[in-house]
Amino acid sequence: MLSIKEKIAYGLGDTASNIIFQTVMMFLLIYYTDVVGLSPAVVGTLFLVVRIFDAVTDPLMGALADRTHTRWGQFRPYLLWLALPFGIISVLAFTKFNLSDNGKLIYAFVSYTLLMIAYTAINIPYSALGGVLTSEPKERVSVQSYRFVFGMLGGLIVASGTMPLVDWLGEGDKALGYQNAMLLMSIFGVTLFLLCFLGTKERVTPPKEQQSSFAKDLKALWQNDQWRILCIAGLLLLSGQVLRGTLAVYYVKYYLGQAQLITAFMTLGMIGSILGCAVSQPLAKRVCKIKAYIALQTIAAFICVISYFVGPEQITLAFVLFFCWNFFLQMATPLLWAKMADTIDYGHWKTGVRITGMIYSAVVFFIKMGVAIGGALAGWLLAYYGYQADMEQTANTQHGILLSFTLLPAIGSFLVAFTMRWYKLDNQLIDKIHLELNPIVK
């Protein structure tokens, strides 16, 4: 069994990752529209184009990580090598220069592209690291639970601290506030990545006799039918989740009409996420991970549907439902990432080829496609419903924000639950695979 200390060290890496990921998901759209002055339709297209390009680099990064051999292991070195560059690029992405409208768009495109490439380069090895800390299936759920509890703590820092930091560090200048807030959070994130590097150890390695090529890895990847199911689920899940997460600020500010409660709303949601991740492991010990995941996605979808019928005057109910949605949705997240590690064993068992980095990066490819679609939809829908930055919105725009924040994400979760009906790696099959691989996997 892994020590609690090592699980915490691994989790700190996701705290660092989420300081950037959650900032992008929650605040980058409103930063671009309300601070930089770009139109929401343009930003939506920017998100889609950049994230599609970024997603294409994921399998390449996974293949590179699988072929990395150092005294520190395959995946840990990237935390050491890339922590500082990632932090610097994060600050640049939230830096505003006095440029023309075209200049602002070009700078946003270049800086955001670099940010996503840096995120890929450090996050793919970090994610794969979780699959090689231990070969014990039950411990993997525990590792992922720690990861996402600490990851959501990073989100909590972002949700509760971003707007206060922007106001405090900017002293009335929003652009300067965002830049300084990101500088502070980036320094913190770099430190956490280094602590993750120092506190973890890789234990599961590919068979010494394994000889692979990129083409052979791709063939083995495609033969893994359970990987394909997780890819579809990840695409659908993140499309709805990112759409809802991105529009949460707009929902509070323009539908509920409570701009002063944005930080409280986002913070409460993150607390729900942390608690959900924390109870994921006890849940997995008592019920089938597949049935639990399907049930949790269905519950999350129904909460979104109920939220559609909440009026702008029902502020308390809106807060409660947002907390509950985050709680149940994030309870499922460690289960999903533990399944990724299971599909690595399944692929190794089925094809004889172990491709840890490739499988994680390929699933993350589809997750990022979901992030791209969700982020783009948020911008496009705002434009479609006539959103105007920092103005009182029309009734049509308010209803569009409500619809996009509630019913559309519900569809995503319902489709995820339906897709997972074809996933077959239950506890019995995983135990069988683990026993048959045990003489090979260390």
Protein backbone atom coordinates (compact mmCIF):
# COMPACT_ATOMS: atom_id res chain seq x y z
CA MET A 1 0.00 0.00 0.00
CA LEU A 2 1.08 3.53 -0.72
CA SER A 3 1.70 5.83 2.21
CA ILE A 4 -0.66 8.71 2.85
CA LYS A 5 2.31 11.03 2.45
CA GLU A 6 2.92 9.83 -1.12
CA LYS A 7 -0.78 10.07 -2.00
CA ILE A 8 -0.82 13.65 -0.73
CA ALA A 9 2.34 14.44 -2.70
CA TYR A 10 0.70 13.09 -5.84
CA GLY A 11 -2.45 15.07 -5.11
CA LEU A 12 -0.48 18.31 -4.83
CA GLY A 13 0.35 17.98 -8.53
CA ASP A 14 -3.34 18.22 -9.36
CA THR A 15 -3.71 21.20 -7.04
CA ALA A 16 -1.10 22.89 -9.22
CA SER A 17 -2.78 21.78 -12.46
CA ASN A 18 -6.22 22.93 -11.33
CA ILE A 19 -4.98 26.37 -10.37
CA ILE A 20 -4.59 26.88 -14.13
CA PHE A 21 -7.32 24.61 -15.49
CA GLN A 22 -10.04 25.99 -13.22
CA THR A 23 -8.93 29.58 -13.83
CA VAL A 24 -9.23 28.99 -17.57
CA MET A 25 -12.59 27.25 -17.21
CA MET A 26 -14.14 29.78 -14.80
CA PHE A 27 -12.62 33.12 -15.70
CA LEU A 28 -10.81 33.18 -19.06
CA LEU A 29 -13.98 33.75 -21.10
CA ILE A 30 -15.13 36.64 -18.93
CA TYR A 31 -11.54 38.00 -18.86
CA TYR A 32 -11.44 38.01 -22.66
CA THR A 33 -14.94 39.51 -23.06
CA ASP A 34 -15.08 42.01 -20.17
CA VAL A 35 -11.41 42.99 -19.72
CA VAL A 36 -9.66 42.48 -23.07
CA GLY A 37 -12.78 43.42 -25.04
CA LEU A 38 -13.07 40.48 -27.44
CA SER A 39 -16.51 39.39 -28.62
CA PRO A 40 -17.89 36.14 -27.13
CA ALA A 41 -18.35 34.58 -30.58
CA VAL A 42 -14.70 35.23 -31.44
CA VAL A 43 -13.56 33.84 -28.09
CA GLY A 44 -15.71 30.74 -28.57
CA THR A 45 -14.06 30.08 -31.92
CA LEU A 46 -10.64 30.79 -30.40
CA PHE A 47 -11.29 28.21 -27.66
CA LEU A 48 -12.35 25.58 -30.18
CA VAL A 49 -9.45 26.07 -32.60
CA VAL A 50 -6.74 26.22 -29.94
CA ARG A 51 -8.06 23.29 -27.94
CA ILE A 52 -8.43 21.09 -31.01
CA PHE A 53 -4.82 21.86 -31.93
CA ASP A 54 -3.77 21.23 -28.33
CA ALA A 55 -5.68 17.96 -28.16
CA VAL A 56 -3.83 16.64 -31.22
CA THR A 57 -0.54 17.00 -29.33
CA ASP A 58 -1.76 14.75 -26.48
CA PRO A 59 -1.01 11.34 -28.10
CA LEU A 60 2.39 12.66 -29.20
CA MET A 61 3.17 13.71 -25.65
CA GLY A 62 1.99 10.34 -24.36
CA ALA A 63 4.22 8.50 -26.83
CA LEU A 64 7.16 10.70 -25.86
CA ALA A 65 6.59 10.05 -22.15
CA ASP A 66 6.37 6.28 -22.76
CA ARG A 67 9.83 6.46 -24.35
CA THR A 68 11.41 8.61 -21.66
CA HIS A 69 13.91 6.79 -19.45
CA THR A 70 15.74 8.66 -16.70
CA ARG A 71 16.97 7.95 -13.20
CA TRP A 72 13.75 9.58 -11.98
CA GLY A 73 11.49 7.37 -14.11
CA GLN A 74 9.36 7.96 -17.21
CA PHE A 75 6.83 10.54 -16.07
CA ARG A 76 8.12 12.33 -12.94
CA PRO A 77 10.93 14.22 -14.73
CA TYR A 78 8.45 16.36 -16.66
CA LEU A 79 7.18 17.84 -13.40
CA LEU A 80 10.71 19.03 -12.68
CA TRP A 81 11.54 20.20 -16.19
CA LEU A 82 8.31 22.04 -17.05
CA ALA A 83 6.97 23.50 -13.79
CA LEU A 84 8.64 26.90 -14.20
CA PRO A 85 7.92 27.34 -17.95
CA PHE A 86 4.28 26.44 -17.28
CA GLY A 87 4.07 29.07 -14.55
CA ILE A 88 5.59 31.80 -16.75
CA ILE A 89 3.27 31.08 -19.69
CA SER A 90 0.26 31.11 -17.35
CA VAL A 91 1.06 34.69 -16.34
CA LEU A 92 1.55 35.75 -19.96
CA ALA A 93 -1.88 34.36 -20.90
CA PHE A 94 -3.48 36.77 -18.40
CA THR A 95 -1.36 39.76 -19.40
CA LYS A 96 -3.01 42.56 -21.37
CA PHE A 97 -1.03 44.80 -23.70
CA ASN A 98 -2.18 48.02 -25.39
CA LEU A 99 -2.76 46.56 -28.84
CA SER A 100 -5.18 47.02 -31.70
CA ASP A 101 -8.25 44.78 -31.88
CA ASN A 102 -6.44 42.45 -34.28
CA GLY A 103 -3.34 42.59 -32.12
CA LYS A 104 -5.36 41.58 -29.04
CA LEU A 105 -6.84 38.63 -30.92
CA ILE A 106 -3.44 37.49 -32.20
CA TYR A 107 -1.90 37.79 -28.74
CA ALA A 108 -4.81 35.89 -27.19
CA PHE A 109 -4.42 33.15 -29.79
CA VAL A 110 -0.65 32.80 -29.36
CA SER A 111 -0.57 33.03 -25.56
CA TYR A 112 -3.52 30.67 -25.11
CA THR A 113 -2.01 28.17 -27.55
CA LEU A 114 1.28 28.20 -25.64
CA LEU A 115 -0.60 27.79 -22.35
CA MET A 116 -2.46 24.72 -23.61
CA ILE A 117 0.71 23.17 -25.03
CA ALA A 118 2.50 23.70 -21.71
CA TYR A 119 -0.49 22.24 -19.86
CA THR A 120 -0.40 19.17 -22.10
CA ALA A 121 3.35 18.72 -21.70
CA ILE A 122 3.17 18.63 -17.90
CA ASN A 123 -0.31 17.22 -17.29
CA ILE A 124 -0.09 14.13 -19.52
CA PRO A 125 2.98 12.77 -17.67
CA TYR A 126 1.39 13.78 -14.36
CA SER A 127 -1.80 11.87 -15.16
CA ALA A 128 0.16 8.83 -16.34
CA LEU A 129 2.18 8.91 -13.11
CA GLY A 130 -0.98 7.96 -11.21
CA GLY A 131 -1.09 4.68 -13.12
CA VAL A 132 2.43 3.62 -12.20
CA LEU A 133 2.53 4.45 -8.49
CA THR A 134 0.86 1.11 -7.72
CA SER A 135 -0.48 -1.95 -9.54
CA GLU A 136 -3.15 -2.62 -6.89
CA PRO A 137 -6.62 -1.87 -8.38
CA LYS A 138 -8.21 -0.75 -5.09
CA GLU A 139 -5.27 1.51 -4.29
CA ARG A 140 -5.76 3.21 -7.64
CA VAL A 141 -9.17 4.50 -6.60
CA SER A 142 -7.60 5.76 -3.38
CA VAL A 143 -4.80 7.50 -5.31
CA GLN A 144 -7.30 9.16 -7.63
CA SER A 145 -9.50 10.20 -4.69
CA TYR A 146 -6.55 11.95 -3.08
CA ARG A 147 -5.66 13.45 -6.44
CA PHE A 148 -9.05 14.98 -7.04
CA VAL A 149 -9.60 16.12 -3.46
CA PHE A 150 -6.37 18.09 -3.74
CA GLY A 151 -7.19 19.04 -7.31
CA MET A 152 -10.49 20.51 -6.18
CA LEU A 153 -8.62 22.34 -3.43
CA GLY A 154 -6.81 24.06 -6.27
CA GLY A 155 -10.20 24.85 -7.74
CA LEU A 156 -11.36 26.15 -4.38
CA ILE A 157 -8.37 28.51 -4.26
CA VAL A 158 -9.31 29.76 -7.71
CA ALA A 159 -13.05 30.06 -6.99
CA SER A 160 -12.67 31.82 -3.65
CA GLY A 161 -9.50 33.79 -4.30
CA THR A 162 -9.46 34.98 -7.91
CA MET A 163 -11.94 37.86 -7.81
CA PRO A 164 -10.78 39.14 -4.37
CA LEU A 165 -7.16 38.97 -5.59
CA VAL A 166 -8.07 40.77 -8.82
CA ASP A 167 -9.72 43.58 -6.83
CA TRP A 168 -6.94 43.76 -4.23
CA LEU A 169 -3.91 43.48 -6.51
CA GLY A 170 -5.41 45.54 -9.31
CA GLU A 171 -6.62 48.47 -7.18
CA GLY A 172 -9.33 49.23 -9.71
CA ASP A 173 -7.37 48.04 -12.77
CA LYS A 174 -8.93 44.69 -13.74
CA ALA A 175 -6.22 43.84 -16.26
CA LEU A 176 -3.43 44.41 -13.73
CA GLY A 177 -5.43 42.54 -11.12
CA TYR A 178 -5.76 39.42 -13.27
CA GLN A 179 -2.07 39.52 -14.16
CA ASN A 180 -0.89 39.84 -10.56
CA ALA A 181 -3.38 37.26 -9.30
CA MET A 182 -2.11 34.75 -11.86
CA LEU A 183 1.51 35.58 -10.94
CA LEU A 184 0.81 34.76 -7.31
CA MET A 185 -1.04 31.54 -8.13
CA SER A 186 1.63 30.46 -10.62
CA ILE A 187 4.40 30.75 -8.01
CA PHE A 188 2.28 28.58 -5.73
CA GLY A 189 1.63 26.07 -8.53
CA VAL A 190 5.30 25.72 -9.46
CA THR A 191 6.13 24.95 -5.83
CA LEU A 192 3.45 22.26 -5.65
CA PHE A 193 4.65 20.55 -8.85
CA LEU A 194 8.14 20.31 -7.37
CA LEU A 195 6.75 18.82 -4.14
CA CYS A 196 4.88 16.25 -6.22
CA PHE A 197 8.09 15.34 -8.02
CA LEU A 198 9.99 14.93 -4.77
CA GLY A 199 7.30 12.95 -2.95
CA THR A 200 6.39 10.22 -5.46
CA LYS A 201 8.00 7.08 -6.92
CA GLU A 202 7.26 5.07 -10.05
CA ARG A 203 6.80 1.34 -9.41
CA VAL A 204 5.01 -0.16 -12.42
CA THR A 205 7.14 -0.43 -15.56
CA PRO A 206 6.61 -1.96 -19.02
CA PRO A 207 8.00 -5.47 -19.62
CA LYS A 208 11.74 -5.25 -20.23
CA GLU A 209 11.38 -7.25 -23.44
CA GLN A 210 8.75 -4.88 -24.86
CA GLN A 211 9.82 -3.40 -28.18
CA SER A 212 7.37 -0.85 -29.50
CA SER A 213 6.97 1.81 -32.15
CA PHE A 214 4.47 4.64 -32.47
CA ALA A 215 2.57 2.65 -35.13
CA LYS A 216 2.52 -0.47 -32.95
CA ASP A 217 1.31 1.56 -29.97
CA LEU A 218 -1.52 3.05 -32.04
CA LYS A 219 -2.57 -0.43 -33.18
CA ALA A 220 -2.61 -1.71 -29.60
CA LEU A 221 -4.53 1.37 -28.53
CA TRP A 222 -7.26 0.81 -31.11
CA GLN A 223 -7.62 -2.85 -30.12
CA ASN A 224 -8.54 -1.68 -26.61
CA ASP A 225 -12.34 -1.45 -26.91
CA GLN A 226 -12.79 -0.32 -23.29
CA TRP A 227 -10.50 2.66 -23.92
CA ARG A 228 -12.81 3.73 -26.74
CA ILE A 229 -15.81 3.78 -24.41
CA LEU A 230 -13.97 5.99 -21.91
CA CYS A 231 -13.03 8.35 -24.73
CA ILE A 232 -16.66 8.83 -25.75
CA ALA A 233 -17.69 9.29 -22.12
CA GLY A 234 -14.94 11.86 -21.53
CA LEU A 235 -15.92 13.84 -24.63
CA LEU A 236 -19.58 14.01 -23.64
CA LEU A 237 -18.88 14.65 -19.96
CA LEU A 238 -16.51 17.57 -20.40
CA SER A 239 -18.62 19.21 -23.11
CA GLY A 240 -21.46 19.65 -20.63
CA GLN A 241 -19.31 20.22 -17.55
CA VAL A 242 -17.20 22.97 -19.11
CA LEU A 243 -20.25 24.64 -20.64
CA ARG A 244 -21.87 24.80 -17.20
CA GLY A 245 -18.67 25.76 -15.37
CA THR A 246 -17.85 28.52 -17.85
CA LEU A 247 -21.34 30.02 -17.68
CA ALA A 248 -21.60 29.86 -13.88
CA VAL A 249 -20.21 33.41 -13.53
CA TYR A 250 -22.69 34.71 -16.12
CA TYR A 251 -25.54 32.81 -14.43
CA VAL A 252 -24.91 34.48 -11.09
CA LYS A 253 -24.13 37.93 -12.48
CA TYR A 254 -26.81 38.25 -15.14
CA TYR A 255 -29.56 35.71 -14.36
CA LEU A 256 -29.61 35.79 -10.57
CA GLY A 257 -28.52 39.43 -10.67
CA GLN A 258 -26.08 38.96 -7.79
CA ALA A 259 -22.61 39.87 -9.08
CA GLN A 260 -21.37 40.29 -5.50
CA LEU A 261 -22.12 36.59 -4.86
CA ILE A 262 -19.99 35.16 -7.69
CA THR A 263 -17.14 34.21 -5.38
CA ALA A 264 -19.48 32.64 -2.83
CA PHE A 265 -21.28 30.66 -5.55
CA MET A 266 -18.07 29.32 -7.09
CA THR A 267 -16.56 28.59 -3.69
CA LEU A 268 -19.60 26.61 -2.55
CA GLY A 269 -19.44 24.60 -5.76
CA MET A 270 -15.81 23.74 -5.13
CA ILE A 271 -16.56 22.69 -1.57
CA GLY A 272 -19.17 20.33 -2.99
CA SER A 273 -16.57 19.00 -5.44
CA ILE A 274 -14.04 18.35 -2.67
CA LEU A 275 -16.57 16.51 -0.52
CA GLY A 276 -17.70 14.47 -3.53
CA CYS A 277 -14.15 13.38 -4.32
CA ALA A 278 -13.55 12.54 -0.65
CA VAL A 279 -16.43 10.04 -0.48
CA SER A 280 -15.62 8.42 -3.83
CA GLN A 281 -13.29 5.81 -2.37
CA PRO A 282 -15.71 4.57 0.35
CA LEU A 283 -18.40 4.36 -2.32
CA ALA A 284 -16.16 2.29 -4.64
CA LYS A 285 -15.49 -0.18 -1.83
CA ARG A 286 -19.20 -0.89 -1.36
CA VAL A 287 -20.70 -0.91 -4.83
CA CYS A 288 -19.69 -1.69 -8.41
CA LYS A 289 -17.71 1.22 -9.86
CA ILE A 290 -19.59 1.00 -13.16
CA LYS A 291 -23.08 1.09 -11.61
CA ALA A 292 -22.01 3.86 -9.25
CA TYR A 293 -20.66 5.97 -12.10
CA ILE A 294 -23.83 5.61 -14.17
CA ALA A 295 -26.01 6.47 -11.17
CA LEU A 296 -23.95 9.55 -10.28
CA GLN A 297 -24.10 10.92 -13.83
CA THR A 298 -27.86 10.41 -13.89
CA ILE A 299 -28.29 12.24 -10.58
CA ALA A 300 -26.12 15.12 -11.84
CA ALA A 301 -28.25 15.37 -14.97
CA PHE A 302 -31.51 15.54 -12.98
CA ILE A 303 -30.06 18.29 -10.76
CA CYS A 304 -29.33 20.34 -13.90
CA VAL A 305 -32.89 19.83 -15.11
CA ILE A 306 -34.32 20.93 -11.75
CA SER A 307 -32.09 24.03 -11.85
CA TYR A 308 -33.84 25.18 -15.02
CA PHE A 309 -37.01 25.80 -13.03
CA VAL A 310 -35.31 27.92 -10.35
CA GLY A 311 -36.30 31.58 -10.56
CA PRO A 312 -33.84 34.46 -10.16
CA GLU A 313 -35.34 35.28 -6.77
CA GLN A 314 -34.66 31.73 -5.44
CA ILE A 315 -31.02 32.42 -4.69
CA THR A 316 -30.65 29.95 -1.83
CA LEU A 317 -32.09 27.10 -3.90
CA ALA A 318 -29.76 27.97 -6.79
CA PHE A 319 -26.78 27.77 -4.43
CA VAL A 320 -27.93 24.45 -2.95
CA LEU A 321 -28.45 22.85 -6.35
CA PHE A 322 -25.05 24.03 -7.60
CA PHE A 323 -23.43 22.52 -4.51
CA CYS A 324 -25.28 19.23 -5.03
CA TRP A 325 -24.40 19.09 -8.73
CA ASN A 326 -20.70 19.50 -7.98
CA PHE A 327 -20.91 16.97 -5.14
CA PHE A 328 -22.41 14.15 -7.23
CA LEU A 329 -20.54 14.94 -10.42
CA GLN A 330 -17.13 15.02 -8.73
CA MET A 331 -17.89 11.91 -6.71
CA ALA A 332 -17.73 10.16 -10.07
CA THR A 333 -14.46 11.74 -11.23
CA PRO A 334 -11.96 9.53 -9.32
CA LEU A 335 -13.91 6.49 -10.55
CA LEU A 336 -13.40 7.59 -14.15
CA TRP A 337 -9.65 8.10 -13.73
CA ALA A 338 -9.27 4.80 -11.89
CA LYS A 339 -10.96 3.19 -14.91
CA MET A 340 -8.25 4.65 -17.13
CA ALA A 341 -5.62 2.74 -15.15
CA ASP A 342 -7.80 -0.38 -15.46
CA THR A 343 -7.93 -0.02 -19.24
CA ILE A 344 -4.12 0.08 -19.30
CA ASP A 345 -4.01 -3.31 -17.58
CA TYR A 346 -6.80 -4.55 -19.87
CA GLY A 347 -4.88 -3.46 -22.97
CA HIS A 348 -1.67 -5.06 -21.67
CA TRP A 349 -3.60 -8.27 -20.94
CA LYS A 350 -5.30 -8.28 -24.35
CA THR A 351 -2.43 -7.18 -26.63
CA GLY A 352 0.75 -7.82 -24.65
CA VAL A 353 1.75 -4.15 -25.01
CA ARG A 354 1.71 -1.75 -22.05
CA ILE A 355 1.27 1.87 -23.17
CA THR A 356 0.56 3.90 -20.04
CA GLY A 357 1.33 7.35 -21.42
CA MET A 358 -0.41 6.68 -24.73
CA ILE A 359 -3.68 5.56 -23.14
CA TYR A 360 -3.81 8.44 -20.67
CA SER A 361 -2.97 10.96 -23.37
CA ALA A 362 -5.51 9.48 -25.77
CA VAL A 363 -8.32 9.68 -23.21
CA VAL A 364 -7.21 13.19 -22.31
CA PHE A 365 -7.34 14.00 -26.04
CA PHE A 366 -11.08 13.35 -26.01
CA ILE A 367 -11.50 15.09 -22.67
CA LYS A 368 -9.84 18.16 -24.16
CA MET A 369 -12.07 17.91 -27.19
CA GLY A 370 -14.96 18.05 -24.73
CA VAL A 371 -13.35 21.08 -23.06
CA ALA A 372 -12.98 22.69 -26.50
CA ILE A 373 -16.60 22.03 -27.45
CA GLY A 374 -17.93 23.17 -24.06
CA GLY A 375 -15.87 26.37 -24.07
CA ALA A 376 -16.75 27.16 -27.67
CA LEU A 377 -20.45 26.52 -27.05
CA ALA A 378 -20.38 28.92 -24.10
CA GLY A 379 -19.04 31.75 -26.27
CA TRP A 380 -21.27 30.96 -29.24
CA LEU A 381 -24.41 30.66 -27.14
CA LEU A 382 -23.73 33.97 -25.42
CA ALA A 383 -23.35 35.60 -28.82
CA TYR A 384 -26.46 33.86 -30.18
CA TYR A 385 -28.58 35.11 -27.30
CA GLY A 386 -27.28 38.67 -27.71
CA TYR A 387 -24.96 38.99 -24.70
CA GLN A 388 -23.40 42.43 -24.18
CA ALA A 389 -20.51 42.73 -21.72
CA ASP A 390 -21.12 44.59 -18.45
CA MET A 391 -24.67 45.64 -19.37
CA GLU A 392 -28.13 44.71 -18.17
CA GLN A 393 -29.14 41.76 -20.31
CA THR A 394 -32.44 41.35 -22.17
CA ALA A 395 -34.97 38.75 -21.04
CA ASN A 396 -34.03 36.64 -24.07
CA THR A 397 -30.34 36.73 -23.11
CA GLN A 398 -31.10 35.84 -19.49
CA HIS A 399 -33.21 32.88 -20.60
CA GLY A 400 -30.44 31.79 -22.99
CA ILE A 401 -27.90 31.84 -20.15
CA LEU A 402 -30.29 29.82 -17.98
CA LEU A 403 -30.98 27.25 -20.70
CA SER A 404 -27.30 26.86 -21.54
CA PHE A 405 -26.34 26.56 -17.86
CA THR A 406 -28.92 23.88 -17.04
CA LEU A 407 -30.58 21.77 -19.73
CA LEU A 408 -27.68 21.46 -22.18
CA PRO A 409 -25.22 20.11 -19.54
CA ALA A 410 -27.97 17.70 -18.43
CA ILE A 411 -28.00 16.18 -21.90
CA GLY A 412 -24.26 15.57 -21.64
CA SER A 413 -24.54 13.67 -18.35
CA PHE A 414 -27.47 11.58 -19.59
CA LEU A 415 -25.45 10.57 -22.65
CA VAL A 416 -22.43 9.67 -20.49
CA ALA A 417 -24.59 7.40 -18.31
CA PHE A 418 -25.98 5.73 -21.45
CA THR A 419 -22.51 5.24 -22.97
CA MET A 420 -21.11 3.56 -19.85
CA ARG A 421 -23.60 0.71 -20.21
CA TRP A 422 -21.06 -0.88 -22.60
CA TYR A 423 -18.13 -0.66 -20.18
CA LYS A 424 -17.35 -4.15 -18.87
CA LEU A 425 -14.27 -3.86 -16.64
CA ASP A 426 -16.01 -4.63 -13.35
CA ASN A 427 -14.23 -5.67 -10.16
CA GLN A 428 -14.28 -9.40 -11.02
CA LEU A 429 -12.69 -8.97 -14.44
CA ILE A 430 -10.11 -6.51 -13.13
CA ASP A 431 -9.12 -8.96 -10.37
CA LYS A 432 -8.71 -11.69 -12.99
CA ILE A 433 -6.58 -9.47 -15.23
CA HIS A 434 -4.46 -8.36 -12.29
CA LEU A 435 -3.78 -11.94 -11.22
CA GLU A 436 -2.77 -12.98 -14.74
CA LEU A 437 -0.51 -9.95 -15.18
CA ASN A 438 1.01 -10.18 -11.73
CA PRO A 439 4.01 -12.29 -12.80
CA ILE A 440 4.79 -9.62 -15.42
CA VAL A 441 3.85 -6.32 -13.78
CA LYS A 442 6.05 -5.38 -10.85
